[in-house]
Amino acid sequence: MKTTKLFLLAITAIFILAGCSKDETPQVDKVTYNKDVKSIFLSKCTPCHLEGGINPSKFDDYNTAKAKIDAILLRVNLDPTAQGFMPKNGTKLSASEINTLTMWKTDGTLEN
């Protein structure tokens, strides 16, 4: 009887310890420039902020976009009637697009 209780206690401990070692945190993909952000710049910041455009800040270049993310976020969050709103003479980015840019910054402005 004592052996049976000891055996059951050992089995219970093994299951408890096995359950503790599992990472139950869901894996969330981080926002990256190439996967998520570049397409927003290509579709919304054309033709000014791309190669051949009139603005010297080229957002189809990862390093430039990364360096300018604070200014980008400031300007796309402005009211369309405010001075400095971007895209200039364009339609305000969607909440989802702005959120993607915000998450890119939050996630560390990763390239890939």
PDB file of N, CA and C in Angstrom:
ATOM      1  N   MET A   1       0.822  -1.202   0.000  1.00  0.00           N
ATOM      2  CA  MET A   1       0.000   0.000   0.000  1.00  0.00           C
ATOM      3  C   MET A   1       0.864   1.262   0.000  1.00  0.00           C
ATOM      4  N   LYS A   2       1.916   1.253   0.822  1.00  0.00           N
ATOM      5  CA  LYS A   2       2.820   2.383   0.894  1.00  0.00           C
ATOM      6  C   LYS A   2       3.541   2.580  -0.437  1.00  0.00           C
ATOM      7  N   THR A   3       3.892   1.481  -1.101  1.00  0.00           N
ATOM      8  CA  THR A   3       4.574   1.540  -2.391  1.00  0.00           C
ATOM      9  C   THR A   3       3.658   2.122  -3.451  1.00  0.00           C
ATOM     10  N   THR A   4       2.396   1.750  -3.406  1.00  0.00           N
ATOM     11  CA  THR A   4       1.422   2.250  -4.377  1.00  0.00           C
ATOM     12  C   THR A   4       1.243   3.764  -4.221  1.00  0.00           C
ATOM     13  N   LYS A   5       1.130   4.243  -2.999  1.00  0.00           N
ATOM     14  CA  LYS A   5       0.981   5.677  -2.755  1.00  0.00           C
ATOM     15  C   LYS A   5       2.217   6.436  -3.217  1.00  0.00           C
ATOM     16  N   LEU A   6       3.383   5.869  -2.925  1.00  0.00           N
ATOM     17  CA  LEU A   6       4.621   6.503  -3.351  1.00  0.00           C
ATOM     18  C   LEU A   6       4.718   6.561  -4.871  1.00  0.00           C
ATOM     19  N   PHE A   7       4.284   5.483  -5.532  1.00  0.00           N
ATOM     20  CA  PHE A   7       4.284   5.429  -6.987  1.00  0.00           C
ATOM     21  C   PHE A   7       3.342   6.483  -7.570  1.00  0.00           C
ATOM     22  N   LEU A   8       2.124   6.573  -7.019  1.00  0.00           N
ATOM     23  CA  LEU A   8       1.148   7.562  -7.496  1.00  0.00           C
ATOM     24  C   LEU A   8       1.645   8.988  -7.266  1.00  0.00           C
ATOM     25  N   LEU A   9       2.298   9.217  -6.144  1.00  0.00           N
ATOM     26  CA  LEU A   9       2.849  10.528  -5.848  1.00  0.00           C
ATOM     27  C   LEU A   9       3.954  10.885  -6.857  1.00  0.00           C
ATOM     28  N   ALA A  10       4.792   9.909  -7.180  1.00  0.00           N
ATOM     29  CA  ALA A  10       5.867  10.145  -8.144  1.00  0.00           C
ATOM     30  C   ALA A  10       5.297  10.440  -9.533  1.00  0.00           C
ATOM     31  N   ILE A  11       4.302   9.691  -9.970  1.00  0.00           N
ATOM     32  CA  ILE A  11       3.667   9.912 -11.274  1.00  0.00           C
ATOM     33  C   ILE A  11       3.023  11.293 -11.319  1.00  0.00           C
ATOM     34  N   THR A  12       2.334  11.679 -10.255  1.00  0.00           N
ATOM     35  CA  THR A  12       1.692  12.990 -10.184  1.00  0.00           C
ATOM     36  C   THR A  12       2.730  14.103 -10.287  1.00  0.00           C
ATOM     37  N   ALA A  13       3.830  13.946  -9.567  1.00  0.00           N
ATOM     38  CA  ALA A  13       4.899  14.956  -9.608  1.00  0.00           C
ATOM     39  C   ALA A  13       5.474  15.088 -11.019  1.00  0.00           C
ATOM     40  N   ILE A  14       5.642  13.980 -11.711  1.00  0.00           N
ATOM     41  CA  ILE A  14       6.170  14.007 -13.079  1.00  0.00           C
ATOM     42  C   ILE A  14       5.238  14.792 -13.992  1.00  0.00           C
ATOM     43  N   PHE A  15       3.927  14.539 -13.886  1.00  0.00           N
ATOM     44  CA  PHE A  15       2.966  15.261 -14.726  1.00  0.00           C
ATOM     45  C   PHE A  15       2.944  16.754 -14.401  1.00  0.00           C
ATOM     46  N   ILE A  16       3.029  17.090 -13.139  1.00  0.00           N
ATOM     47  CA  ILE A  16       3.033  18.501 -12.753  1.00  0.00           C
ATOM     48  C   ILE A  16       4.276  19.198 -13.291  1.00  0.00           C
ATOM     49  N   LEU A  17       5.434  18.562 -13.122  1.00  0.00           N
ATOM     50  CA  LEU A  17       6.674  19.160 -13.613  1.00  0.00           C
ATOM     51  C   LEU A  17       6.688  19.257 -15.133  1.00  0.00           C
ATOM     52  N   ALA A  18       6.153  18.272 -15.810  1.00  0.00           N
ATOM     53  CA  ALA A  18       6.097  18.306 -17.273  1.00  0.00           C
ATOM     54  C   ALA A  18       5.207  19.460 -17.741  1.00  0.00           C
ATOM     55  N   GLY A  19       4.113  19.691 -17.050  1.00  0.00           N
ATOM     56  CA  GLY A  19       3.215  20.792 -17.398  1.00  0.00           C
ATOM     57  C   GLY A  19       3.856  22.145 -17.170  1.00  0.00           C
ATOM     58  N   CYS A  20       4.722  22.255 -16.178  1.00  0.00           N
ATOM     59  CA  CYS A  20       5.384  23.524 -15.886  1.00  0.00           C
ATOM     60  C   CYS A  20       6.437  23.885 -16.923  1.00  0.00           C
ATOM     61  N   SER A  21       6.983  22.894 -17.580  1.00  0.00           N
ATOM     62  CA  SER A  21       8.060  23.175 -18.518  1.00  0.00           C
ATOM     63  C   SER A  21       7.578  23.646 -19.882  1.00  0.00           C
ATOM     64  N   LYS A  22       6.301  23.512 -20.157  1.00  0.00           N
ATOM     65  CA  LYS A  22       5.782  23.921 -21.455  1.00  0.00           C
ATOM     66  C   LYS A  22       5.537  25.414 -21.485  1.00  0.00           C
ATOM     67  N   ASP A  23       5.887  26.029 -22.602  1.00  0.00           N
ATOM     68  CA  ASP A  23       5.615  27.449 -22.810  1.00  0.00           C
ATOM     69  C   ASP A  23       4.250  27.561 -23.468  1.00  0.00           C
ATOM     70  N   GLU A  24       3.285  28.017 -22.712  1.00  0.00           N
ATOM     71  CA  GLU A  24       1.909  28.124 -23.204  1.00  0.00           C
ATOM     72  C   GLU A  24       1.631  29.476 -23.848  1.00  0.00           C
ATOM     73  N   THR A  25       2.633  30.354 -23.893  1.00  0.00           N
ATOM     74  CA  THR A  25       2.457  31.668 -24.493  1.00  0.00           C
ATOM     75  C   THR A  25       2.342  31.524 -26.005  1.00  0.00           C
ATOM     76  N   PRO A  26       1.264  32.023 -26.587  1.00  0.00           N
ATOM     77  CA  PRO A  26       1.136  31.922 -28.040  1.00  0.00           C
ATOM     78  C   PRO A  26       2.228  32.722 -28.741  1.00  0.00           C
ATOM     79  N   GLN A  27       2.749  32.172 -29.814  1.00  0.00           N
ATOM     80  CA  GLN A  27       3.785  32.838 -30.595  1.00  0.00           C
ATOM     81  C   GLN A  27       3.142  33.902 -31.478  1.00  0.00           C
ATOM     82  N   VAL A  28       3.585  35.125 -31.331  1.00  0.00           N
ATOM     83  CA  VAL A  28       3.058  36.229 -32.125  1.00  0.00           C
ATOM     84  C   VAL A  28       4.182  36.715 -33.038  1.00  0.00           C
ATOM     85  N   ASP A  29       3.895  36.737 -34.328  1.00  0.00           N
ATOM     86  CA  ASP A  29       4.893  37.228 -35.273  1.00  0.00           C
ATOM     87  C   ASP A  29       5.084  38.726 -35.088  1.00  0.00           C
ATOM     88  N   LYS A  30       6.318  39.132 -35.114  1.00  0.00           N
ATOM     89  CA  LYS A  30       6.625  40.560 -35.017  1.00  0.00           C
ATOM     90  C   LYS A  30       6.477  41.196 -36.394  1.00  0.00           C
ATOM     91  N   VAL A  31       6.137  42.461 -36.386  1.00  0.00           N
ATOM     92  CA  VAL A  31       6.005  43.223 -37.628  1.00  0.00           C
ATOM     93  C   VAL A  31       7.405  43.522 -38.149  1.00  0.00           C
ATOM     94  N   THR A  32       7.617  43.275 -39.434  1.00  0.00           N
ATOM     95  CA  THR A  32       8.913  43.567 -40.045  1.00  0.00           C
ATOM     96  C   THR A  32       8.718  44.472 -41.261  1.00  0.00           C
ATOM     97  N   TYR A  33       9.794  45.142 -41.615  1.00  0.00           N
ATOM     98  CA  TYR A  33       9.771  46.049 -42.764  1.00  0.00           C
ATOM     99  C   TYR A  33       9.416  45.293 -44.046  1.00  0.00           C
ATOM    100  N   ASN A  34      10.157  44.236 -44.329  1.00  0.00           N
ATOM    101  CA  ASN A  34       9.951  43.531 -45.600  1.00  0.00           C
ATOM    102  C   ASN A  34       8.613  42.815 -45.678  1.00  0.00           C
ATOM    103  N   LYS A  35       8.151  42.261 -44.578  1.00  0.00           N
ATOM    104  CA  LYS A  35       6.913  41.481 -44.588  1.00  0.00           C
ATOM    105  C   LYS A  35       5.664  42.360 -44.510  1.00  0.00           C
ATOM    106  N   ASP A  36       5.725  43.445 -43.744  1.00  0.00           N
ATOM    107  CA  ASP A  36       4.499  44.184 -43.428  1.00  0.00           C
ATOM    108  C   ASP A  36       4.498  45.664 -43.798  1.00  0.00           C
ATOM    109  N   VAL A  37       5.619  46.315 -43.679  1.00  0.00           N
ATOM    110  CA  VAL A  37       5.667  47.777 -43.756  1.00  0.00           C
ATOM    111  C   VAL A  37       5.947  48.304 -45.158  1.00  0.00           C
ATOM    112  N   LYS A  38       6.875  47.696 -45.852  1.00  0.00           N
ATOM    113  CA  LYS A  38       7.285  48.203 -47.163  1.00  0.00           C
ATOM    114  C   LYS A  38       6.096  48.323 -48.119  1.00  0.00           C
ATOM    115  N   SER A  39       5.180  47.382 -48.067  1.00  0.00           N
ATOM    116  CA  SER A  39       4.020  47.425 -48.969  1.00  0.00           C
ATOM    117  C   SER A  39       3.140  48.655 -48.695  1.00  0.00           C
ATOM    118  N   ILE A  40       3.076  49.084 -47.438  1.00  0.00           N
ATOM    119  CA  ILE A  40       2.318  50.302 -47.116  1.00  0.00           C
ATOM    120  C   ILE A  40       2.990  51.505 -47.767  1.00  0.00           C
ATOM    121  N   PHE A  41       4.300  51.590 -47.631  1.00  0.00           N
ATOM    122  CA  PHE A  41       5.029  52.702 -48.253  1.00  0.00           C
ATOM    123  C   PHE A  41       4.887  52.673 -49.770  1.00  0.00           C
ATOM    124  N   LEU A  42       4.958  51.491 -50.353  1.00  0.00           N
ATOM    125  CA  LEU A  42       4.847  51.388 -51.809  1.00  0.00           C
ATOM    126  C   LEU A  42       3.474  51.818 -52.311  1.00  0.00           C
ATOM    127  N   SER A  43       2.445  51.518 -51.536  1.00  0.00           N
ATOM    128  CA  SER A  43       1.096  51.850 -52.003  1.00  0.00           C
ATOM    129  C   SER A  43       0.620  53.245 -51.582  1.00  0.00           C
ATOM    130  N   LYS A  44       1.142  53.764 -50.486  1.00  0.00           N
ATOM    131  CA  LYS A  44       0.617  55.029 -49.952  1.00  0.00           C
ATOM    132  C   LYS A  44       1.558  56.222 -50.067  1.00  0.00           C
ATOM    133  N   CYS A  45       2.830  55.969 -50.244  1.00  0.00           N
ATOM    134  CA  CYS A  45       3.806  57.067 -50.228  1.00  0.00           C
ATOM    135  C   CYS A  45       4.395  57.336 -51.610  1.00  0.00           C
ATOM    136  N   THR A  46       3.778  56.729 -52.609  1.00  0.00           N
ATOM    137  CA  THR A  46       4.183  56.903 -53.995  1.00  0.00           C
ATOM    138  C   THR A  46       3.558  58.194 -54.527  1.00  0.00           C
ATOM    139  N   PRO A  47       4.199  58.943 -55.328  1.00  0.00           N
ATOM    140  CA  PRO A  47       5.538  58.740 -55.887  1.00  0.00           C
ATOM    141  C   PRO A  47       6.614  59.507 -55.136  1.00  0.00           C
ATOM    142  N   CYS A  48       6.254  60.228 -54.095  1.00  0.00           N
ATOM    143  CA  CYS A  48       7.209  61.161 -53.481  1.00  0.00           C
ATOM    144  C   CYS A  48       8.359  60.498 -52.722  1.00  0.00           C
ATOM    145  N   HIS A  49       8.063  59.490 -51.914  1.00  0.00           N
ATOM    146  CA  HIS A  49       9.069  58.929 -51.011  1.00  0.00           C
ATOM    147  C   HIS A  49       9.695  57.646 -51.529  1.00  0.00           C
ATOM    148  N   LEU A  50       9.699  57.453 -52.820  1.00  0.00           N
ATOM    149  CA  LEU A  50      10.291  56.267 -53.421  1.00  0.00           C
ATOM    150  C   LEU A  50      11.358  56.681 -54.416  1.00  0.00           C
ATOM    151  N   GLU A  51      12.177  55.741 -54.819  1.00  0.00           N
ATOM    152  CA  GLU A  51      13.246  56.022 -55.786  1.00  0.00           C
ATOM    153  C   GLU A  51      12.667  56.762 -56.986  1.00  0.00           C
ATOM    154  N   GLY A  52      13.275  57.887 -57.324  1.00  0.00           N
ATOM    155  CA  GLY A  52      12.804  58.710 -58.429  1.00  0.00           C
ATOM    156  C   GLY A  52      11.803  59.762 -58.005  1.00  0.00           C
ATOM    157  N   GLY A  53      11.358  59.714 -56.744  1.00  0.00           N
ATOM    158  CA  GLY A  53      10.387  60.679 -56.257  1.00  0.00           C
ATOM    159  C   GLY A  53      11.026  62.002 -55.876  1.00  0.00           C
ATOM    160  N   ILE A  54      10.196  63.010 -55.626  1.00  0.00           N
ATOM    161  CA  ILE A  54      10.689  64.356 -55.355  1.00  0.00           C
ATOM    162  C   ILE A  54      11.215  64.536 -53.935  1.00  0.00           C
ATOM    163  N   ASN A  55      10.822  63.668 -53.002  1.00  0.00           N
ATOM    164  CA  ASN A  55      11.270  63.804 -51.623  1.00  0.00           C
ATOM    165  C   ASN A  55      12.563  63.024 -51.415  1.00  0.00           C
ATOM    166  N   PRO A  56      13.557  63.615 -50.753  1.00  0.00           N
ATOM    167  CA  PRO A  56      14.824  62.900 -50.558  1.00  0.00           C
ATOM    168  C   PRO A  56      14.738  61.710 -49.599  1.00  0.00           C
ATOM    169  N   SER A  57      13.700  61.649 -48.766  1.00  0.00           N
ATOM    170  CA  SER A  57      13.519  60.507 -47.862  1.00  0.00           C
ATOM    171  C   SER A  57      12.846  59.378 -48.627  1.00  0.00           C
ATOM    172  N   LYS A  58      13.596  58.331 -48.882  1.00  0.00           N
ATOM    173  CA  LYS A  58      13.095  57.199 -49.674  1.00  0.00           C
ATOM    174  C   LYS A  58      12.707  56.052 -48.749  1.00  0.00           C
ATOM    175  N   PHE A  59      11.392  55.844 -48.590  1.00  0.00           N
ATOM    176  CA  PHE A  59      10.910  54.836 -47.656  1.00  0.00           C
ATOM    177  C   PHE A  59      10.924  53.428 -48.235  1.00  0.00           C
ATOM    178  N   ASP A  60      11.329  53.286 -49.494  1.00  0.00           N
ATOM    179  CA  ASP A  60      11.538  51.942 -50.019  1.00  0.00           C
ATOM    180  C   ASP A  60      12.948  51.463 -49.653  1.00  0.00           C
ATOM    181  N   ASP A  61      13.658  52.268 -48.873  1.00  0.00           N
ATOM    182  CA  ASP A  61      14.952  51.914 -48.317  1.00  0.00           C
ATOM    183  C   ASP A  61      14.765  51.680 -46.813  1.00  0.00           C
ATOM    184  N   TYR A  62      15.077  50.479 -46.356  1.00  0.00           N
ATOM    185  CA  TYR A  62      14.858  50.100 -44.955  1.00  0.00           C
ATOM    186  C   TYR A  62      15.503  51.075 -43.978  1.00  0.00           C
ATOM    187  N   ASN A  63      16.767  51.401 -44.179  1.00  0.00           N
ATOM    188  CA  ASN A  63      17.478  52.254 -43.227  1.00  0.00           C
ATOM    189  C   ASN A  63      16.866  53.643 -43.120  1.00  0.00           C
ATOM    190  N   THR A  64      16.428  54.201 -44.238  1.00  0.00           N
ATOM    191  CA  THR A  64      15.783  55.514 -44.215  1.00  0.00           C
ATOM    192  C   THR A  64      14.443  55.439 -43.490  1.00  0.00           C
ATOM    193  N   ALA A  65      13.644  54.426 -43.813  1.00  0.00           N
ATOM    194  CA  ALA A  65      12.341  54.275 -43.163  1.00  0.00           C
ATOM    195  C   ALA A  65      12.501  54.090 -41.658  1.00  0.00           C
ATOM    196  N   LYS A  66      13.465  53.273 -41.270  1.00  0.00           N
ATOM    197  CA  LYS A  66      13.721  53.034 -39.845  1.00  0.00           C
ATOM    198  C   LYS A  66      14.107  54.331 -39.138  1.00  0.00           C
ATOM    199  N   ALA A  67      14.972  55.108 -39.756  1.00  0.00           N
ATOM    200  CA  ALA A  67      15.437  56.361 -39.151  1.00  0.00           C
ATOM    201  C   ALA A  67      14.319  57.400 -39.058  1.00  0.00           C
ATOM    202  N   LYS A  68      13.327  57.306 -39.936  1.00  0.00           N
ATOM    203  CA  LYS A  68      12.268  58.318 -40.013  1.00  0.00           C
ATOM    204  C   LYS A  68      10.942  57.883 -39.381  1.00  0.00           C
ATOM    205  N   ILE A  69      10.895  56.715 -38.743  1.00  0.00           N
ATOM    206  CA  ILE A  69       9.607  56.176 -38.286  1.00  0.00           C
ATOM    207  C   ILE A  69       8.872  57.124 -37.327  1.00  0.00           C
ATOM    208  N   ASP A  70       9.584  57.815 -36.452  1.00  0.00           N
ATOM    209  CA  ASP A  70       8.898  58.735 -35.534  1.00  0.00           C
ATOM    210  C   ASP A  70       8.201  59.861 -36.297  1.00  0.00           C
ATOM    211  N   ALA A  71       8.889  60.442 -37.256  1.00  0.00           N
ATOM    212  CA  ALA A  71       8.294  61.515 -38.065  1.00  0.00           C
ATOM    213  C   ALA A  71       7.149  60.973 -38.920  1.00  0.00           C
ATOM    214  N   ILE A  72       7.317  59.779 -39.446  1.00  0.00           N
ATOM    215  CA  ILE A  72       6.255  59.162 -40.255  1.00  0.00           C
ATOM    216  C   ILE A  72       5.000  58.992 -39.410  1.00  0.00           C
ATOM    217  N   LEU A  73       5.166  58.427 -38.227  1.00  0.00           N
ATOM    218  CA  LEU A  73       4.007  58.198 -37.353  1.00  0.00           C
ATOM    219  C   LEU A  73       3.342  59.515 -36.962  1.00  0.00           C
ATOM    220  N   LEU A  74       4.130  60.515 -36.671  1.00  0.00           N
ATOM    221  CA  LEU A  74       3.573  61.823 -36.323  1.00  0.00           C
ATOM    222  C   LEU A  74       2.712  62.357 -37.457  1.00  0.00           C
ATOM    223  N   ARG A  75       3.226  62.301 -38.670  1.00  0.00           N
ATOM    224  CA  ARG A  75       2.547  62.910 -39.815  1.00  0.00           C
ATOM    225  C   ARG A  75       1.326  62.116 -40.278  1.00  0.00           C
ATOM    226  N   VAL A  76       1.381  60.792 -40.249  1.00  0.00           N
ATOM    227  CA  VAL A  76       0.215  60.021 -40.698  1.00  0.00           C
ATOM    228  C   VAL A  76      -0.908  60.042 -39.668  1.00  0.00           C
ATOM    229  N   ASN A  77      -0.587  60.416 -38.429  1.00  0.00           N
ATOM    230  CA  ASN A  77      -1.616  60.511 -37.391  1.00  0.00           C
ATOM    231  C   ASN A  77      -2.264  61.889 -37.319  1.00  0.00           C
ATOM    232  N   LEU A  78      -1.743  62.856 -38.064  1.00  0.00           N
ATOM    233  CA  LEU A  78      -2.339  64.194 -38.076  1.00  0.00           C
ATOM    234  C   LEU A  78      -3.702  64.176 -38.762  1.00  0.00           C
ATOM    235  N   ASP A  79      -4.500  65.164 -38.436  1.00  0.00           N
ATOM    236  CA  ASP A  79      -5.750  65.376 -39.147  1.00  0.00           C
ATOM    237  C   ASP A  79      -5.400  65.749 -40.591  1.00  0.00           C
ATOM    238  N   PRO A  80      -6.135  65.244 -41.578  1.00  0.00           N
ATOM    239  CA  PRO A  80      -5.829  65.549 -42.984  1.00  0.00           C
ATOM    240  C   PRO A  80      -5.789  67.032 -43.320  1.00  0.00           C
ATOM    241  N   THR A  81      -6.404  67.880 -42.513  1.00  0.00           N
ATOM    242  CA  THR A  81      -6.382  69.319 -42.780  1.00  0.00           C
ATOM    243  C   THR A  81      -5.187  70.014 -42.122  1.00  0.00           C
ATOM    244  N   ALA A  82      -4.451  69.299 -41.292  1.00  0.00           N
ATOM    245  CA  ALA A  82      -3.328  69.895 -40.557  1.00  0.00           C
ATOM    246  C   ALA A  82      -2.096  70.040 -41.444  1.00  0.00           C
ATOM    247  N   GLN A  83      -1.324  71.069 -41.163  1.00  0.00           N
ATOM    248  CA  GLN A  83      -0.063  71.271 -41.872  1.00  0.00           C
ATOM    249  C   GLN A  83       0.876  70.112 -41.532  1.00  0.00           C
ATOM    250  N   GLY A  84       1.495  69.546 -42.542  1.00  0.00           N
ATOM    251  CA  GLY A  84       2.422  68.443 -42.343  1.00  0.00           C
ATOM    252  C   GLY A  84       1.793  67.063 -42.479  1.00  0.00           C
ATOM    253  N   PHE A  85       0.456  67.020 -42.660  1.00  0.00           N
ATOM    254  CA  PHE A  85      -0.220  65.725 -42.821  1.00  0.00           C
ATOM    255  C   PHE A  85       0.360  64.979 -44.015  1.00  0.00           C
ATOM    256  N   MET A  86       0.512  63.685 -43.838  1.00  0.00           N
ATOM    257  CA  MET A  86       0.947  62.821 -44.935  1.00  0.00           C
ATOM    258  C   MET A  86      -0.003  61.638 -45.032  1.00  0.00           C
ATOM    259  N   PRO A  87      -0.243  61.169 -46.217  1.00  0.00           N
ATOM    260  CA  PRO A  87       0.363  61.584 -47.473  1.00  0.00           C
ATOM    261  C   PRO A  87      -0.236  62.902 -47.978  1.00  0.00           C
ATOM    262  N   LYS A  88       0.652  63.771 -48.399  1.00  0.00           N
ATOM    263  CA  LYS A  88       0.257  65.105 -48.856  1.00  0.00           C
ATOM    264  C   LYS A  88      -0.734  64.976 -50.012  1.00  0.00           C
ATOM    265  N   ASN A  89      -1.837  65.676 -49.874  1.00  0.00           N
ATOM    266  CA  ASN A  89      -2.914  65.644 -50.875  1.00  0.00           C
ATOM    267  C   ASN A  89      -3.470  64.241 -51.085  1.00  0.00           C
ATOM    268  N   GLY A  90      -3.269  63.375 -50.127  1.00  0.00           N
ATOM    269  CA  GLY A  90      -3.741  62.000 -50.255  1.00  0.00           C
ATOM    270  C   GLY A  90      -4.759  61.643 -49.193  1.00  0.00           C
ATOM    271  N   THR A  91      -5.145  60.409 -49.205  1.00  0.00           N
ATOM    272  CA  THR A  91      -6.115  59.885 -48.245  1.00  0.00           C
ATOM    273  C   THR A  91      -5.381  59.382 -47.013  1.00  0.00           C
ATOM    274  N   LYS A  92      -5.948  59.657 -45.861  1.00  0.00           N
ATOM    275  CA  LYS A  92      -5.362  59.206 -44.598  1.00  0.00           C
ATOM    276  C   LYS A  92      -5.199  57.691 -44.611  1.00  0.00           C
ATOM    277  N   LEU A  93      -4.075  57.217 -44.082  1.00  0.00           N
ATOM    278  CA  LEU A  93      -3.868  55.783 -43.962  1.00  0.00           C
ATOM    279  C   LEU A  93      -4.954  55.199 -43.070  1.00  0.00           C
ATOM    280  N   SER A  94      -5.295  53.960 -43.307  1.00  0.00           N
ATOM    281  CA  SER A  94      -6.311  53.296 -42.484  1.00  0.00           C
ATOM    282  C   SER A  94      -5.769  53.077 -41.076  1.00  0.00           C
ATOM    283  N   ALA A  95      -6.665  52.860 -40.140  1.00  0.00           N
ATOM    284  CA  ALA A  95      -6.259  52.564 -38.766  1.00  0.00           C
ATOM    285  C   ALA A  95      -5.372  51.328 -38.730  1.00  0.00           C
ATOM    286  N   SER A  96      -5.678  50.363 -39.569  1.00  0.00           N
ATOM    287  CA  SER A  96      -4.882  49.135 -39.630  1.00  0.00           C
ATOM    288  C   SER A  96      -3.458  49.414 -40.127  1.00  0.00           C
ATOM    289  N   GLU A  97      -3.337  50.252 -41.140  1.00  0.00           N
ATOM    290  CA  GLU A  97      -2.014  50.602 -41.665  1.00  0.00           C
ATOM    291  C   GLU A  97      -1.196  51.387 -40.640  1.00  0.00           C
ATOM    292  N   ILE A  98      -1.847  52.338 -39.973  1.00  0.00           N
ATOM    293  CA  ILE A  98      -1.158  53.105 -38.928  1.00  0.00           C
ATOM    294  C   ILE A  98      -0.754  52.184 -37.789  1.00  0.00           C
ATOM    295  N   ASN A  99      -1.630  51.252 -37.430  1.00  0.00           N
ATOM    296  CA  ASN A  99      -1.302  50.285 -36.377  1.00  0.00           C
ATOM    297  C   ASN A  99      -0.097  49.432 -36.777  1.00  0.00           C
ATOM    298  N   THR A 100      -0.034  49.026 -38.034  1.00  0.00           N
ATOM    299  CA  THR A 100       1.107  48.233 -38.503  1.00  0.00           C
ATOM    300  C   THR A 100       2.400  49.022 -38.359  1.00  0.00           C
ATOM    301  N   LEU A 101       2.388  50.283 -38.742  1.00  0.00           N
ATOM    302  CA  LEU A 101       3.582  51.121 -38.595  1.00  0.00           C
ATOM    303  C   LEU A 101       3.955  51.300 -37.124  1.00  0.00           C
ATOM    304  N   THR A 102       2.949  51.490 -36.276  1.00  0.00           N
ATOM    305  CA  THR A 102       3.179  51.637 -34.840  1.00  0.00           C
ATOM    306  C   THR A 102       3.773  50.361 -34.255  1.00  0.00           C
ATOM    307  N   MET A 103       3.215  49.219 -34.643  1.00  0.00           N
ATOM    308  CA  MET A 103       3.726  47.940 -34.141  1.00  0.00           C
ATOM    309  C   MET A 103       5.136  47.672 -34.645  1.00  0.00           C
ATOM    310  N   TRP A 104       5.443  48.115 -35.858  1.00  0.00           N
ATOM    311  CA  TRP A 104       6.801  47.952 -36.377  1.00  0.00           C
ATOM    312  C   TRP A 104       7.789  48.663 -35.446  1.00  0.00           C
ATOM    313  N   LYS A 105       7.444  49.888 -35.058  1.00  0.00           N
ATOM    314  CA  LYS A 105       8.308  50.622 -34.132  1.00  0.00           C
ATOM    315  C   LYS A 105       8.383  49.901 -32.784  1.00  0.00           C
ATOM    316  N   THR A 106       7.240  49.500 -32.254  1.00  0.00           N
ATOM    317  CA  THR A 106       7.178  48.815 -30.970  1.00  0.00           C
ATOM    318  C   THR A 106       7.989  47.516 -30.977  1.00  0.00           C
ATOM    319  N   ASP A 107       7.922  46.794 -32.082  1.00  0.00           N
ATOM    320  CA  ASP A 107       8.617  45.515 -32.191  1.00  0.00           C
ATOM    321  C   ASP A 107      10.116  45.684 -32.456  1.00  0.00           C
ATOM    322  N   GLY A 108      10.584  46.909 -32.635  1.00  0.00           N
ATOM    323  CA  GLY A 108      12.012  47.131 -32.789  1.00  0.00           C
ATOM    324  C   GLY A 108      12.465  47.465 -34.192  1.00  0.00           C
ATOM    325  N   THR A 109      11.545  47.891 -35.061  1.00  0.00           N
ATOM    326  CA  THR A 109      11.844  48.244 -36.452  1.00  0.00           C
ATOM    327  C   THR A 109      12.743  47.186 -37.127  1.00  0.00           C
ATOM    328  N   LEU A 110      12.260  45.948 -37.068  1.00  0.00           N
ATOM    329  CA  LEU A 110      12.994  44.827 -37.648  1.00  0.00           C
ATOM    330  C   LEU A 110      12.911  44.854 -39.169  1.00  0.00           C
ATOM    331  N   GLU A 111      13.968  44.413 -39.824  1.00  0.00           N
ATOM    332  CA  GLU A 111      13.995  44.393 -41.286  1.00  0.00           C
ATOM    333  C   GLU A 111      13.315  43.142 -41.832  1.00  0.00           C
ATOM    334  N   ASN A 112      13.670  41.975 -41.310  1.00  0.00           N
ATOM    335  CA  ASN A 112      13.100  40.705 -41.801  1.00  0.00           C
ATOM    336  C   ASN A 112      12.418  39.957 -40.672  1.00  0.00           C
TER     337      ASN A 112
END
